[in-house]
Amino acid sequence: MARQTHDDVRHGTTTLYAALRVLDGVVIGECRRRHRTKKCVQFLNRLEAATPTRQSLHLILDNLSAHNSPPVRRWPTRHPRVHFHFVPPAVPG
């Protein structure tokens, strides 16, 4: 598996934050230059505000470091209707 070095350049790539509200087909999304914990928490707040309070939120997250950071891991404890589901890490080989 290739590793990124400290001098890695993204060459115009972007990060997409997106969620699909299955009940009505609404897509909530935004593009960012980088994937950082602060922006991840801001998007989670946006998702919660855009979802009716009577509905639970089930979010599927991959294993990016921003998703596993302490602020993101603590976020659902303050928002009990939100449930995180993490995809299993990739197995090398």
PDB file of N, CA and C in Angstrom:
ATOM      1  N   MET A   1       0.851  -1.175   0.000  1.00  0.00           N
ATOM      2  CA  MET A   1       0.000   0.000   0.000  1.00  0.00           C
ATOM      3  C   MET A   1       0.896   1.238   0.000  1.00  0.00           C
ATOM      4  N   ALA A   2       0.593   2.187  -0.866  1.00  0.00           N
ATOM      5  CA  ALA A   2       1.377   3.411  -0.964  1.00  0.00           C
ATOM      6  C   ALA A   2       1.066   4.335   0.205  1.00  0.00           C
ATOM      7  N   ARG A   3       2.069   5.003   0.679  1.00  0.00           N
ATOM      8  CA  ARG A   3       1.918   5.970   1.775  1.00  0.00           C
ATOM      9  C   ARG A   3       2.122   7.373   1.236  1.00  0.00           C
ATOM     10  N   GLN A   4       1.450   8.335   1.838  1.00  0.00           N
ATOM     11  CA  GLN A   4       1.662   9.725   1.476  1.00  0.00           C
ATOM     12  C   GLN A   4       2.749  10.307   2.363  1.00  0.00           C
ATOM     13  N   THR A   5       3.564  11.137   1.781  1.00  0.00           N
ATOM     14  CA  THR A   5       4.606  11.801   2.549  1.00  0.00           C
ATOM     15  C   THR A   5       4.120  13.176   2.975  1.00  0.00           C
ATOM     16  N   HIS A   6       4.877  13.815   3.845  1.00  0.00           N
ATOM     17  CA  HIS A   6       4.504  15.134   4.325  1.00  0.00           C
ATOM     18  C   HIS A   6       4.420  16.168   3.219  1.00  0.00           C
ATOM     19  N   ASP A   7       5.085  15.929   2.093  1.00  0.00           N
ATOM     20  CA  ASP A   7       5.080  16.885   0.989  1.00  0.00           C
ATOM     21  C   ASP A   7       4.102  16.494  -0.113  1.00  0.00           C
ATOM     22  N   ASP A   8       3.159  15.601   0.183  1.00  0.00           N
ATOM     23  CA  ASP A   8       2.164  15.175  -0.781  1.00  0.00           C
ATOM     24  C   ASP A   8       1.327  16.376  -1.235  1.00  0.00           C
ATOM     25  N   VAL A   9       1.085  16.475  -2.530  1.00  0.00           N
ATOM     26  CA  VAL A   9       0.287  17.555  -3.106  1.00  0.00           C
ATOM     27  C   VAL A   9      -0.975  16.942  -3.695  1.00  0.00           C
ATOM     28  N   ARG A  10      -2.111  17.554  -3.452  1.00  0.00           N
ATOM     29  CA  ARG A  10      -3.391  16.981  -3.872  1.00  0.00           C
ATOM     30  C   ARG A  10      -3.723  17.220  -5.344  1.00  0.00           C
ATOM     31  N   HIS A  11      -3.058  18.111  -6.027  1.00  0.00           N
ATOM     32  CA  HIS A  11      -3.246  18.350  -7.461  1.00  0.00           C
ATOM     33  C   HIS A  11      -4.708  18.536  -7.852  1.00  0.00           C
ATOM     34  N   GLY A  12      -5.414  19.364  -7.112  1.00  0.00           N
ATOM     35  CA  GLY A  12      -6.772  19.703  -7.490  1.00  0.00           C
ATOM     36  C   GLY A  12      -7.851  18.751  -7.009  1.00  0.00           C
ATOM     37  N   THR A  13      -7.506  17.717  -6.274  1.00  0.00           N
ATOM     38  CA  THR A  13      -8.549  16.831  -5.766  1.00  0.00           C
ATOM     39  C   THR A  13      -9.346  17.549  -4.686  1.00  0.00           C
ATOM     40  N   THR A  14     -10.514  17.041  -4.420  1.00  0.00           N
ATOM     41  CA  THR A  14     -11.387  17.659  -3.438  1.00  0.00           C
ATOM     42  C   THR A  14     -12.000  16.586  -2.548  1.00  0.00           C
ATOM     43  N   THR A  15     -12.535  17.006  -1.441  1.00  0.00           N
ATOM     44  CA  THR A  15     -13.230  16.097  -0.525  1.00  0.00           C
ATOM     45  C   THR A  15     -14.718  16.382  -0.624  1.00  0.00           C
ATOM     46  N   LEU A  16     -15.502  15.347  -0.798  1.00  0.00           N
ATOM     47  CA  LEU A  16     -16.950  15.485  -0.862  1.00  0.00           C
ATOM     48  C   LEU A  16     -17.548  14.991   0.445  1.00  0.00           C
ATOM     49  N   TYR A  17     -18.270  15.867   1.117  1.00  0.00           N
ATOM     50  CA  TYR A  17     -19.086  15.482   2.267  1.00  0.00           C
ATOM     51  C   TYR A  17     -20.500  15.342   1.710  1.00  0.00           C
ATOM     52  N   ALA A  18     -21.120  14.193   1.885  1.00  0.00           N
ATOM     53  CA  ALA A  18     -22.459  14.025   1.328  1.00  0.00           C
ATOM     54  C   ALA A  18     -23.277  13.062   2.165  1.00  0.00           C
ATOM     55  N   ALA A  19     -24.583  13.307   2.161  1.00  0.00           N
ATOM     56  CA  ALA A  19     -25.522  12.436   2.855  1.00  0.00           C
ATOM     57  C   ALA A  19     -26.792  12.355   2.026  1.00  0.00           C
ATOM     58  N   LEU A  20     -27.392  11.188   2.006  1.00  0.00           N
ATOM     59  CA  LEU A  20     -28.661  10.959   1.318  1.00  0.00           C
ATOM     60  C   LEU A  20     -29.723  10.699   2.360  1.00  0.00           C
ATOM     61  N   ARG A  21     -30.766  11.519   2.363  1.00  0.00           N
ATOM     62  CA  ARG A  21     -31.905  11.287   3.237  1.00  0.00           C
ATOM     63  C   ARG A  21     -32.832  10.347   2.482  1.00  0.00           C
ATOM     64  N   VAL A  22     -32.813   9.089   2.854  1.00  0.00           N
ATOM     65  CA  VAL A  22     -33.479   8.028   2.103  1.00  0.00           C
ATOM     66  C   VAL A  22     -34.990   8.236   2.026  1.00  0.00           C
ATOM     67  N   LEU A  23     -35.607   8.747   3.066  1.00  0.00           N
ATOM     68  CA  LEU A  23     -37.065   8.884   3.090  1.00  0.00           C
ATOM     69  C   LEU A  23     -37.608   9.806   2.011  1.00  0.00           C
ATOM     70  N   ASP A  24     -36.872  10.871   1.674  1.00  0.00           N
ATOM     71  CA  ASP A  24     -37.384  11.795   0.665  1.00  0.00           C
ATOM     72  C   ASP A  24     -36.410  12.057  -0.483  1.00  0.00           C
ATOM     73  N   GLY A  25     -35.264  11.385  -0.490  1.00  0.00           N
ATOM     74  CA  GLY A  25     -34.315  11.505  -1.586  1.00  0.00           C
ATOM     75  C   GLY A  25     -33.488  12.773  -1.595  1.00  0.00           C
ATOM     76  N   VAL A  26     -33.536  13.551  -0.532  1.00  0.00           N
ATOM     77  CA  VAL A  26     -32.762  14.790  -0.466  1.00  0.00           C
ATOM     78  C   VAL A  26     -31.284  14.460  -0.255  1.00  0.00           C
ATOM     79  N   VAL A  27     -30.432  15.099  -1.042  1.00  0.00           N
ATOM     80  CA  VAL A  27     -28.987  14.951  -0.884  1.00  0.00           C
ATOM     81  C   VAL A  27     -28.453  16.238  -0.276  1.00  0.00           C
ATOM     82  N   ILE A  28     -27.697  16.094   0.788  1.00  0.00           N
ATOM     83  CA  ILE A  28     -27.046  17.229   1.443  1.00  0.00           C
ATOM     84  C   ILE A  28     -25.557  17.025   1.220  1.00  0.00           C
ATOM     85  N   GLY A  29     -24.909  17.980   0.609  1.00  0.00           N
ATOM     86  CA  GLY A  29     -23.495  17.789   0.327  1.00  0.00           C
ATOM     87  C   GLY A  29     -22.751  19.088   0.154  1.00  0.00           C
ATOM     88  N   GLU A  30     -21.445  18.977   0.227  1.00  0.00           N
ATOM     89  CA  GLU A  30     -20.553  20.110  -0.006  1.00  0.00           C
ATOM     90  C   GLU A  30     -19.162  19.577  -0.309  1.00  0.00           C
ATOM     91  N   CYS A  31     -18.421  20.350  -1.069  1.00  0.00           N
ATOM     92  CA  CYS A  31     -17.036  20.007  -1.383  1.00  0.00           C
ATOM     93  C   CYS A  31     -16.113  20.899  -0.573  1.00  0.00           C
ATOM     94  N   ARG A  32     -15.033  20.318  -0.119  1.00  0.00           N
ATOM     95  CA  ARG A  32     -14.011  21.034   0.647  1.00  0.00           C
ATOM     96  C   ARG A  32     -12.648  20.688   0.071  1.00  0.00           C
ATOM     97  N   ARG A  33     -11.707  21.575   0.288  1.00  0.00           N
ATOM     98  CA  ARG A  33     -10.338  21.321  -0.195  1.00  0.00           C
ATOM     99  C   ARG A  33      -9.664  20.190   0.567  1.00  0.00           C
ATOM    100  N   ARG A  34      -9.966  20.079   1.854  1.00  0.00           N
ATOM    101  CA  ARG A  34      -9.304  19.069   2.684  1.00  0.00           C
ATOM    102  C   ARG A  34     -10.315  18.424   3.597  1.00  0.00           C
ATOM    103  N   HIS A  35      -9.942  17.291   4.144  1.00  0.00           N
ATOM    104  CA  HIS A  35     -10.823  16.564   5.062  1.00  0.00           C
ATOM    105  C   HIS A  35     -10.253  16.717   6.465  1.00  0.00           C
ATOM    106  N   ARG A  36     -10.832  17.604   7.228  1.00  0.00           N
ATOM    107  CA  ARG A  36     -10.342  17.913   8.570  1.00  0.00           C
ATOM    108  C   ARG A  36     -11.438  17.683   9.591  1.00  0.00           C
ATOM    109  N   THR A  37     -11.037  17.440  10.829  1.00  0.00           N
ATOM    110  CA  THR A  37     -11.978  17.181  11.918  1.00  0.00           C
ATOM    111  C   THR A  37     -12.976  18.322  12.078  1.00  0.00           C
ATOM    112  N   LYS A  38     -12.493  19.547  12.077  1.00  0.00           N
ATOM    113  CA  LYS A  38     -13.373  20.704  12.286  1.00  0.00           C
ATOM    114  C   LYS A  38     -14.464  20.764  11.220  1.00  0.00           C
ATOM    115  N   LYS A  39     -14.104  20.554   9.972  1.00  0.00           N
ATOM    116  CA  LYS A  39     -15.081  20.595   8.883  1.00  0.00           C
ATOM    117  C   LYS A  39     -16.032  19.403   8.957  1.00  0.00           C
ATOM    118  N   CYS A  40     -15.536  18.281   9.408  1.00  0.00           N
ATOM    119  CA  CYS A  40     -16.382  17.104   9.574  1.00  0.00           C
ATOM    120  C   CYS A  40     -17.467  17.371  10.623  1.00  0.00           C
ATOM    121  N   VAL A  41     -17.086  17.953  11.737  1.00  0.00           N
ATOM    122  CA  VAL A  41     -18.047  18.288  12.795  1.00  0.00           C
ATOM    123  C   VAL A  41     -19.043  19.336  12.286  1.00  0.00           C
ATOM    124  N   GLN A  42     -18.571  20.303  11.526  1.00  0.00           N
ATOM    125  CA  GLN A  42     -19.482  21.306  10.965  1.00  0.00           C
ATOM    126  C   GLN A  42     -20.514  20.645  10.049  1.00  0.00           C
ATOM    127  N   PHE A  43     -20.073  19.677   9.247  1.00  0.00           N
ATOM    128  CA  PHE A  43     -21.011  18.987   8.362  1.00  0.00           C
ATOM    129  C   PHE A  43     -22.001  18.148   9.169  1.00  0.00           C
ATOM    130  N   LEU A  44     -21.538  17.492  10.218  1.00  0.00           N
ATOM    131  CA  LEU A  44     -22.449  16.731  11.079  1.00  0.00           C
ATOM    132  C   LEU A  44     -23.517  17.646  11.677  1.00  0.00           C
ATOM    133  N   ASN A  45     -23.118  18.826  12.118  1.00  0.00           N
ATOM    134  CA  ASN A  45     -24.078  19.796  12.644  1.00  0.00           C
ATOM    135  C   ASN A  45     -25.074  20.222  11.576  1.00  0.00           C
ATOM    136  N   ARG A  46     -24.590  20.410  10.368  1.00  0.00           N
ATOM    137  CA  ARG A  46     -25.475  20.774   9.256  1.00  0.00           C
ATOM    138  C   ARG A  46     -26.477  19.662   8.972  1.00  0.00           C
ATOM    139  N   LEU A  47     -26.002  18.414   8.987  1.00  0.00           N
ATOM    140  CA  LEU A  47     -26.904  17.278   8.765  1.00  0.00           C
ATOM    141  C   LEU A  47     -27.994  17.210   9.816  1.00  0.00           C
ATOM    142  N   GLU A  48     -27.600  17.365  11.048  1.00  0.00           N
ATOM    143  CA  GLU A  48     -28.592  17.276  12.109  1.00  0.00           C
ATOM    144  C   GLU A  48     -29.620  18.401  11.995  1.00  0.00           C
ATOM    145  N   ALA A  49     -29.171  19.599  11.682  1.00  0.00           N
ATOM    146  CA  ALA A  49     -30.090  20.729  11.549  1.00  0.00           C
ATOM    147  C   ALA A  49     -31.043  20.545  10.366  1.00  0.00           C
ATOM    148  N   ALA A  50     -30.597  19.841   9.328  1.00  0.00           N
ATOM    149  CA  ALA A  50     -31.409  19.660   8.119  1.00  0.00           C
ATOM    150  C   ALA A  50     -32.356  18.467   8.201  1.00  0.00           C
ATOM    151  N   THR A  51     -32.301  17.735   9.290  1.00  0.00           N
ATOM    152  CA  THR A  51     -33.115  16.527   9.431  1.00  0.00           C
ATOM    153  C   THR A  51     -34.179  16.750  10.503  1.00  0.00           C
ATOM    154  N   PRO A  52     -35.440  16.445  10.190  1.00  0.00           N
ATOM    155  CA  PRO A  52     -36.492  16.608  11.204  1.00  0.00           C
ATOM    156  C   PRO A  52     -36.141  15.875  12.499  1.00  0.00           C
ATOM    157  N   THR A  53     -36.459  16.500  13.621  1.00  0.00           N
ATOM    158  CA  THR A  53     -36.047  15.966  14.924  1.00  0.00           C
ATOM    159  C   THR A  53     -36.656  14.615  15.254  1.00  0.00           C
ATOM    160  N   ARG A  54     -37.743  14.250  14.633  1.00  0.00           N
ATOM    161  CA  ARG A  54     -38.368  12.954  14.928  1.00  0.00           C
ATOM    162  C   ARG A  54     -37.668  11.787  14.229  1.00  0.00           C
ATOM    163  N   GLN A  55     -36.725  12.085  13.340  1.00  0.00           N
ATOM    164  CA  GLN A  55     -36.035  11.045  12.582  1.00  0.00           C
ATOM    165  C   GLN A  55     -34.659  10.750  13.167  1.00  0.00           C
ATOM    166  N   SER A  56     -34.322   9.470  13.195  1.00  0.00           N
ATOM    167  CA  SER A  56     -32.961   9.067  13.560  1.00  0.00           C
ATOM    168  C   SER A  56     -32.052   9.257  12.358  1.00  0.00           C
ATOM    169  N   LEU A  57     -30.792   9.453  12.632  1.00  0.00           N
ATOM    170  CA  LEU A  57     -29.794   9.532  11.566  1.00  0.00           C
ATOM    171  C   LEU A  57     -28.830   8.370  11.735  1.00  0.00           C
ATOM    172  N   HIS A  58     -28.645   7.612  10.674  1.00  0.00           N
ATOM    173  CA  HIS A  58     -27.671   6.525  10.652  1.00  0.00           C
ATOM    174  C   HIS A  58     -26.633   6.899   9.607  1.00  0.00           C
ATOM    175  N   LEU A  59     -25.426   7.181  10.062  1.00  0.00           N
ATOM    176  CA  LEU A  59     -24.361   7.663   9.192  1.00  0.00           C
ATOM    177  C   LEU A  59     -23.317   6.580   9.001  1.00  0.00           C
ATOM    178  N   ILE A  60     -22.971   6.328   7.759  1.00  0.00           N
ATOM    179  CA  ILE A  60     -21.939   5.346   7.425  1.00  0.00           C
ATOM    180  C   ILE A  60     -20.665   6.124   7.134  1.00  0.00           C
ATOM    181  N   LEU A  61     -19.634   5.820   7.910  1.00  0.00           N
ATOM    182  CA  LEU A  61     -18.360   6.528   7.775  1.00  0.00           C
ATOM    183  C   LEU A  61     -17.248   5.546   7.452  1.00  0.00           C
ATOM    184  N   ASP A  62     -16.273   6.014   6.677  1.00  0.00           N
ATOM    185  CA  ASP A  62     -15.098   5.181   6.460  1.00  0.00           C
ATOM    186  C   ASP A  62     -14.106   5.446   7.582  1.00  0.00           C
ATOM    187  N   ASN A  63     -12.912   4.951   7.443  1.00  0.00           N
ATOM    188  CA  ASN A  63     -11.952   5.010   8.544  1.00  0.00           C
ATOM    189  C   ASN A  63     -10.895   6.108   8.385  1.00  0.00           C
ATOM    190  N   LEU A  64     -11.283   7.222   7.798  1.00  0.00           N
ATOM    191  CA  LEU A  64     -10.363   8.357   7.725  1.00  0.00           C
ATOM    192  C   LEU A  64     -10.025   8.847   9.125  1.00  0.00           C
ATOM    193  N   SER A  65      -8.863   9.421   9.267  1.00  0.00           N
ATOM    194  CA  SER A  65      -8.450   9.878  10.593  1.00  0.00           C
ATOM    195  C   SER A  65      -9.401  10.932  11.146  1.00  0.00           C
ATOM    196  N   ALA A  66      -9.980  11.777  10.293  1.00  0.00           N
ATOM    197  CA  ALA A  66     -10.925  12.788  10.777  1.00  0.00           C
ATOM    198  C   ALA A  66     -12.163  12.135  11.387  1.00  0.00           C
ATOM    199  N   HIS A  67     -12.589  11.010  10.847  1.00  0.00           N
ATOM    200  CA  HIS A  67     -13.768  10.317  11.378  1.00  0.00           C
ATOM    201  C   HIS A  67     -13.476   9.635  12.707  1.00  0.00           C
ATOM    202  N   ASN A  68     -12.230   9.331  12.947  1.00  0.00           N
ATOM    203  CA  ASN A  68     -11.841   8.649  14.183  1.00  0.00           C
ATOM    204  C   ASN A  68     -11.237   9.589  15.216  1.00  0.00           C
ATOM    205  N   SER A  69     -11.286  10.872  14.954  1.00  0.00           N
ATOM    206  CA  SER A  69     -10.724  11.838  15.899  1.00  0.00           C
ATOM    207  C   SER A  69     -11.647  11.942  17.120  1.00  0.00           C
ATOM    208  N   PRO A  70     -11.091  12.294  18.270  1.00  0.00           N
ATOM    209  CA  PRO A  70     -11.917  12.403  19.486  1.00  0.00           C
ATOM    210  C   PRO A  70     -13.140  13.325  19.341  1.00  0.00           C
ATOM    211  N   PRO A  71     -13.029  14.518  18.708  1.00  0.00           N
ATOM    212  CA  PRO A  71     -14.232  15.352  18.593  1.00  0.00           C
ATOM    213  C   PRO A  71     -15.358  14.686  17.792  1.00  0.00           C
ATOM    214  N   VAL A  72     -14.996  13.987  16.727  1.00  0.00           N
ATOM    215  CA  VAL A  72     -16.017  13.314  15.914  1.00  0.00           C
ATOM    216  C   VAL A  72     -16.575  12.105  16.663  1.00  0.00           C
ATOM    217  N   ARG A  73     -15.720  11.352  17.328  1.00  0.00           N
ATOM    218  CA  ARG A  73     -16.184  10.191  18.101  1.00  0.00           C
ATOM    219  C   ARG A  73     -17.097  10.598  19.257  1.00  0.00           C
ATOM    220  N   ARG A  74     -16.875  11.778  19.841  1.00  0.00           N
ATOM    221  CA  ARG A  74     -17.725  12.263  20.939  1.00  0.00           C
ATOM    222  C   ARG A  74     -19.034  12.860  20.442  1.00  0.00           C
ATOM    223  N   TRP A  75     -19.077  13.307  19.226  1.00  0.00           N
ATOM    224  CA  TRP A  75     -20.220  14.032  18.691  1.00  0.00           C
ATOM    225  C   TRP A  75     -21.548  13.289  18.895  1.00  0.00           C
ATOM    226  N   PRO A  76     -21.646  11.992  18.614  1.00  0.00           N
ATOM    227  CA  PRO A  76     -22.944  11.318  18.796  1.00  0.00           C
ATOM    228  C   PRO A  76     -23.395  11.226  20.252  1.00  0.00           C
ATOM    229  N   THR A  77     -22.491  11.327  21.193  1.00  0.00           N
ATOM    230  CA  THR A  77     -22.920  11.274  22.601  1.00  0.00           C
ATOM    231  C   THR A  77     -23.744  12.503  22.970  1.00  0.00           C
ATOM    232  N   ARG A  78     -23.514  13.620  22.272  1.00  0.00           N
ATOM    233  CA  ARG A  78     -24.301  14.831  22.492  1.00  0.00           C
ATOM    234  C   ARG A  78     -25.514  14.908  21.561  1.00  0.00           C
ATOM    235  N   HIS A  79     -25.629  13.947  20.649  1.00  0.00           N
ATOM    236  CA  HIS A  79     -26.722  13.907  19.673  1.00  0.00           C
ATOM    237  C   HIS A  79     -27.256  12.470  19.626  1.00  0.00           C
ATOM    238  N   PRO A  80     -28.078  12.093  20.596  1.00  0.00           N
ATOM    239  CA  PRO A  80     -28.468  10.683  20.759  1.00  0.00           C
ATOM    240  C   PRO A  80     -29.265  10.073  19.613  1.00  0.00           C
ATOM    241  N   ARG A  81     -29.828  10.867  18.738  1.00  0.00           N
ATOM    242  CA  ARG A  81     -30.571  10.276  17.622  1.00  0.00           C
ATOM    243  C   ARG A  81     -29.661   9.909  16.451  1.00  0.00           C
ATOM    244  N   VAL A  82     -28.386  10.237  16.597  1.00  0.00           N
ATOM    245  CA  VAL A  82     -27.411   9.956  15.545  1.00  0.00           C
ATOM    246  C   VAL A  82     -26.625   8.704  15.888  1.00  0.00           C
ATOM    247  N   HIS A  83     -26.491   7.832  14.905  1.00  0.00           N
ATOM    248  CA  HIS A  83     -25.777   6.564  15.081  1.00  0.00           C
ATOM    249  C   HIS A  83     -24.714   6.452  13.994  1.00  0.00           C
ATOM    250  N   PHE A  84     -23.480   6.241  14.403  1.00  0.00           N
ATOM    251  CA  PHE A  84     -22.379   6.040  13.461  1.00  0.00           C
ATOM    252  C   PHE A  84     -22.218   4.556  13.183  1.00  0.00           C
ATOM    253  N   HIS A  85     -21.964   4.246  11.919  1.00  0.00           N
ATOM    254  CA  HIS A  85     -21.641   2.887  11.488  1.00  0.00           C
ATOM    255  C   HIS A  85     -20.372   2.998  10.650  1.00  0.00           C
ATOM    256  N   PHE A  86     -19.309   2.363  11.101  1.00  0.00           N
ATOM    257  CA  PHE A  86     -18.035   2.441  10.397  1.00  0.00           C
ATOM    258  C   PHE A  86     -17.847   1.235   9.494  1.00  0.00           C
ATOM    259  N   VAL A  87     -17.387   1.484   8.267  1.00  0.00           N
ATOM    260  CA  VAL A  87     -17.056   0.380   7.369  1.00  0.00           C
ATOM    261  C   VAL A  87     -15.818  -0.309   7.906  1.00  0.00           C
ATOM    262  N   PRO A  88     -15.691  -1.600   7.700  1.00  0.00           N
ATOM    263  CA  PRO A  88     -14.489  -2.282   8.174  1.00  0.00           C
ATOM    264  C   PRO A  88     -13.249  -1.776   7.445  1.00  0.00           C
ATOM    265  N   PRO A  89     -12.111  -1.731   8.126  1.00  0.00           N
ATOM    266  CA  PRO A  89     -10.888  -1.302   7.456  1.00  0.00           C
ATOM    267  C   PRO A  89     -10.509  -2.294   6.353  1.00  0.00           C
ATOM    268  N   ALA A  90      -9.880  -1.759   5.322  1.00  0.00           N
ATOM    269  CA  ALA A  90      -9.437  -2.612   4.222  1.00  0.00           C
ATOM    270  C   ALA A  90      -8.347  -3.562   4.687  1.00  0.00           C
ATOM    271  N   VAL A  91      -8.400  -4.758   4.194  1.00  0.00           N
ATOM    272  CA  VAL A  91      -7.378  -5.755   4.525  1.00  0.00           C
ATOM    273  C   VAL A  91      -6.338  -5.744   3.411  1.00  0.00           C
ATOM    274  N   PRO A  92      -5.082  -5.480   3.748  1.00  0.00           N
ATOM    275  CA  PRO A  92      -4.044  -5.449   2.705  1.00  0.00           C
ATOM    276  C   PRO A  92      -3.872  -6.823   2.048  1.00  0.00           C
ATOM    277  N   GLY A  93      -3.550  -6.781   0.795  1.00  0.00           N
ATOM    278  CA  GLY A  93      -3.235  -8.034   0.137  1.00  0.00           C
ATOM    279  C   GLY A  93      -4.032  -8.231  -1.037  1.00  0.00           C
TER     280      GLY A  93
END
